[in-house]
Protein backbone atom coordinates (compact mmCIF):
# COMPACT_ATOMS: atom_id res chain seq x y z
CA MET A 1 0.00 0.00 0.00
CA GLY A 2 1.12 3.53 -0.73
CA VAL A 3 1.04 6.75 1.28
CA GLU A 4 -2.55 7.62 0.29
CA ASP A 5 -3.93 4.19 1.25
CA ASN A 6 -1.96 4.14 4.49
CA LEU A 7 -3.18 7.60 5.42
CA ASN A 8 -6.81 6.74 4.70
CA LYS A 9 -6.51 3.57 6.78
CA VAL A 10 -5.15 5.52 9.78
CA LYS A 11 -7.89 8.14 9.38
CA SER A 12 -10.53 5.42 9.36
CA ASN A 13 -9.17 4.16 12.71
CA ILE A 14 -9.51 7.49 14.51
CA SER A 15 -12.49 9.73 15.16
CA LYS A 16 -12.83 13.19 13.65
CA ASN A 17 -12.12 14.91 16.98
CA ILE A 18 -8.59 13.43 17.14
CA THR A 19 -5.87 15.51 15.47
CA LEU A 20 -3.61 13.45 13.22
CA VAL A 21 -0.05 14.72 12.89
CA ALA A 22 1.56 12.96 9.91
CA VAL A 23 5.20 12.62 10.94
CA SER A 24 7.14 13.31 7.76
CA LYS A 25 10.67 13.47 9.18
CA THR A 26 13.34 12.14 6.80
CA LYS A 27 10.69 11.83 4.07
CA PRO A 28 10.91 13.68 0.72
CA THR A 29 8.51 16.47 -0.21
CA SER A 30 7.00 14.18 -2.86
CA ASP A 31 5.63 11.90 -0.12
CA ILE A 32 4.22 14.90 1.76
CA GLU A 33 2.56 16.12 -1.46
CA ILE A 34 0.78 12.77 -1.84
CA ALA A 35 -0.55 13.02 1.73
CA TYR A 36 -1.48 16.67 1.12
CA LYS A 37 -3.47 15.78 -1.99
CA SER A 38 -5.28 13.16 0.11
CA GLY A 39 -6.43 15.91 2.46
CA GLN A 40 -3.75 15.88 5.17
CA ARG A 41 -2.71 19.36 6.35
CA ILE A 42 -0.79 18.79 9.59
CA PHE A 43 2.77 17.44 9.39
CA GLY A 44 5.37 16.84 12.09
CA GLU A 45 9.13 17.23 11.84
CA ASN A 46 11.79 16.71 14.50
CA LYS A 47 14.65 18.68 12.92
CA VAL A 48 14.73 22.42 12.34
CA GLN A 49 16.83 22.03 9.21
CA GLU A 50 14.17 19.85 7.57
CA LEU A 51 11.46 22.33 8.49
CA GLN A 52 13.50 25.13 6.93
CA GLU A 53 13.85 23.14 3.70
CA LYS A 54 10.31 21.81 3.45
CA HIS A 55 8.27 24.84 4.51
CA PRO A 56 9.07 27.03 1.47
CA ALA A 57 8.82 24.09 -0.94
CA LEU A 58 5.29 23.01 0.00
CA PRO A 59 1.78 24.55 0.11
CA LYS A 60 1.41 27.43 2.54
CA ASP A 61 -1.71 26.11 4.25
CA ILE A 62 0.25 23.22 5.77
CA GLN A 63 0.43 23.40 9.56
CA TRP A 64 3.93 22.43 10.64
CA HIS A 65 4.47 20.89 14.06
CA MET A 66 7.92 20.70 15.66
CA ILE A 67 7.77 17.39 17.51
CA GLY A 68 11.43 16.80 18.34
CA HIS A 69 13.69 18.25 21.01
CA LEU A 70 14.21 21.92 20.17
CA GLN A 71 17.43 23.77 21.00
CA THR A 72 17.02 27.41 22.02
CA ASN A 73 19.44 28.63 19.33
CA LYS A 74 17.26 27.07 16.60
CA VAL A 75 13.92 28.64 17.56
CA LYS A 76 14.53 31.74 15.42
CA TYR A 77 14.57 29.68 12.22
CA ILE A 78 11.00 28.39 12.60
CA ALA A 79 9.33 31.13 14.68
CA SER A 80 7.69 32.84 11.71
CA PHE A 81 5.65 29.84 10.55
CA ILE A 82 5.53 27.01 13.11
CA SER A 83 1.98 26.07 14.12
CA LEU A 84 2.76 24.10 17.29
CA ILE A 85 5.91 23.23 19.23
CA HIS A 86 5.32 19.94 21.04
CA ALA A 87 8.35 19.36 23.20
CA VAL A 88 8.84 22.29 25.58
CA ASP A 89 10.54 21.25 28.80
CA SER A 90 12.24 24.34 30.26
CA ILE A 91 11.63 28.00 31.08
CA LYS A 92 14.76 28.81 29.07
CA LEU A 93 13.17 27.41 25.91
CA LEU A 94 9.85 29.12 26.64
CA LYS A 95 11.60 32.47 27.03
CA GLU A 96 13.34 32.06 23.68
CA ILE A 97 10.11 31.05 21.94
CA ASN A 98 8.43 34.11 23.45
CA LYS A 99 11.29 36.36 22.31
CA GLN A 100 11.16 35.07 18.74
CA ALA A 101 7.35 35.23 18.71
CA ILE A 102 7.52 38.92 19.60
CA LYS A 103 9.99 39.51 16.75
CA ASN A 104 7.51 37.90 14.37
CA SER A 105 4.46 39.70 15.83
CA ARG A 106 2.70 36.48 16.72
CA THR A 107 1.82 34.15 19.58
CA ILE A 108 3.30 30.67 19.29
CA PRO A 109 1.32 27.69 20.65
CA VAL A 110 3.33 25.10 22.60
CA LEU A 111 2.87 21.87 24.53
CA LEU A 112 4.68 21.04 27.76
CA GLN A 113 6.58 17.75 27.47
CA PHE A 114 6.42 15.27 30.33
CA HIS A 115 8.66 12.32 31.08
CA VAL A 116 6.56 9.23 31.84
CA ALA A 117 8.62 6.50 30.12
CA LYS A 118 11.12 4.08 31.66
CA GLU A 119 13.88 5.20 29.30
CA GLU A 120 16.05 7.86 30.88
CA SER A 121 17.04 9.12 27.42
CA LYS A 122 13.65 10.71 26.82
CA PHE A 123 13.23 14.40 27.61
CA GLY A 124 10.46 15.90 29.69
CA LEU A 125 9.28 17.56 32.88
CA SER A 126 8.01 16.00 36.09
CA ILE A 127 4.69 17.29 37.41
CA ASP A 128 6.48 19.13 40.24
CA LYS A 129 8.89 20.89 37.87
CA ALA A 130 6.02 21.79 35.57
CA ILE A 131 4.07 23.39 38.41
CA ASP A 132 7.20 25.30 39.48
CA LEU A 133 7.56 26.51 35.89
CA ILE A 134 3.98 27.67 35.29
CA THR A 135 3.69 29.39 38.68
CA SER A 136 6.99 31.27 38.30
CA GLU A 137 7.32 35.01 37.75
CA ASP A 138 9.31 34.31 34.60
CA PHE A 139 6.40 32.35 33.14
CA SER A 140 3.80 34.99 33.98
CA SER A 141 5.77 37.56 31.98
CA LEU A 142 5.59 35.52 28.75
CA LYS A 143 2.77 37.01 26.69
CA ASN A 144 3.59 35.60 23.25
CA VAL A 145 3.51 31.89 24.02
CA SER A 146 0.31 29.97 24.62
CA ILE A 147 0.21 26.60 26.40
CA TYR A 148 -2.14 24.38 24.40
CA GLY A 149 -1.65 21.24 26.49
CA ILE A 150 0.90 18.52 27.09
CA MET A 151 2.79 15.80 25.25
CA GLY A 152 4.73 12.69 26.14
CA MET A 153 6.09 9.39 24.87
CA ALA A 154 5.55 5.95 26.31
CA THR A 155 8.32 3.41 26.75
CA PHE A 156 9.27 1.65 23.50
CA THR A 157 8.14 -1.84 24.47
CA ASP A 158 5.75 -4.66 23.56
CA ASP A 159 4.35 -4.52 27.10
CA LYS A 160 0.94 -2.98 26.39
CA ASN A 161 0.08 -2.77 30.09
CA LEU A 162 3.14 -0.62 30.76
CA VAL A 163 2.32 1.65 27.80
CA LYS A 164 -1.29 1.94 28.98
CA THR A 165 -0.13 2.84 32.50
CA GLU A 166 2.19 5.56 31.15
CA PHE A 167 -0.53 7.04 28.93
CA ASN A 168 -2.90 6.98 31.89
CA LYS A 169 -0.29 8.85 33.95
CA LEU A 170 0.02 11.49 31.22
CA LYS A 171 -3.77 11.93 31.12
CA GLY A 172 -3.71 12.33 34.92
CA ILE A 173 -1.07 15.07 34.62
CA PHE A 174 -3.22 16.88 32.07
CA ASP A 175 -6.31 16.65 34.27
CA LYS A 176 -4.45 18.00 37.31
CA LEU A 177 -2.95 20.93 35.39
CA LYS A 178 -6.28 21.74 33.74
CA VAL A 179 -8.17 21.85 37.05
CA ASP A 180 -5.48 23.55 39.15
CA HIS A 181 -3.86 25.96 36.67
CA PHE A 182 -5.67 26.17 33.31
CA LYS A 183 -9.38 25.83 34.06
CA ASP A 184 -10.08 29.25 32.53
CA THR A 185 -7.81 28.66 29.54
CA ASP A 186 -9.89 27.29 26.66
CA GLU A 187 -6.91 26.52 24.44
CA PHE A 188 -5.38 24.21 27.08
CA LYS A 189 -7.03 21.08 25.72
CA GLU A 190 -4.47 18.95 23.85
CA ILE A 191 -2.86 15.69 24.96
CA SER A 192 -0.30 14.74 22.31
CA MET A 193 0.44 11.07 22.90
CA GLY A 194 0.54 8.01 20.71
CA MET A 195 2.68 7.09 17.70
CA SER A 196 2.54 4.47 14.95
CA GLY A 197 2.83 1.49 17.29
CA ASP A 198 0.48 2.63 20.03
CA TYR A 199 -1.81 5.44 18.81
CA GLU A 200 -5.02 3.41 19.19
CA LEU A 201 -4.14 2.61 22.79
CA ALA A 202 -3.25 6.28 23.37
CA ILE A 203 -6.63 7.41 22.05
CA ALA A 204 -8.38 4.94 24.36
CA GLU A 205 -6.48 6.55 27.27
CA GLY A 206 -7.48 10.10 26.36
CA SER A 207 -5.15 11.35 23.64
CA THR A 208 -6.45 14.22 21.50
CA MET A 209 -3.49 14.30 19.10
CA VAL A 210 -1.47 11.41 17.66
CA ARG A 211 1.89 11.55 15.87
CA VAL A 212 1.94 8.86 13.19
CA GLY A 213 4.89 8.44 10.83
CA SER A 214 5.98 5.00 9.63
CA THR A 215 2.40 3.65 9.46
CA ILE A 216 1.68 6.36 6.86
CA PHE A 217 5.00 6.87 5.10
CA GLY A 218 6.73 3.53 5.60
CA SER A 219 9.98 2.95 7.49
CA ARG A 220 12.16 6.02 7.82
CA ASN A 221 15.11 6.79 5.62
CA TYR A 222 18.04 8.01 7.70
CA ASP A 223 20.48 8.20 4.78
CA ASN A 224 19.42 11.65 3.61
């Protein structure tokens, strides 16, 4: 099956109220164009360089999501067009996003990244650090970033019970933050969790946004 068939199959598995981010990292613009012609408008990349190359080469109504770890010195390259930054895990990064948003006369939506997986290599905040961050004076001064919700990754494992537990923990973090800190913030509504191997399980546990790559585009090409 090709990109169009794969995309349609994924779409048929998820309800209309779930946002599908087609993860196009390492994939050529020709593959993205096929998905675009099939109606997909939201694409996720994890490298700033790829975003810089693909954004000008593709239709302007594409919503680009930065889903990978973002270094502060790279924010300026995507600040003018990025639709959502998924993986924010420090006040330092938030400040830089705010600074670059001001320069581009816009407000940039972001998600706070949480660490719920067993792997230590994954980035993300703990609930305590997140509360410290969002209740800080530094945070209250940031007027050009908007927190749209949270994101996280489960452990890469075949143990479905572990994955389910981690997704459930992420949903619990969202619920706590929503009630205690964002109850009057309408845009705080996204839980970005679930990828190709576990997106259906993630949706069952409360995900509102799934990041699906290889199931749509095939296995990734790391040679380019």
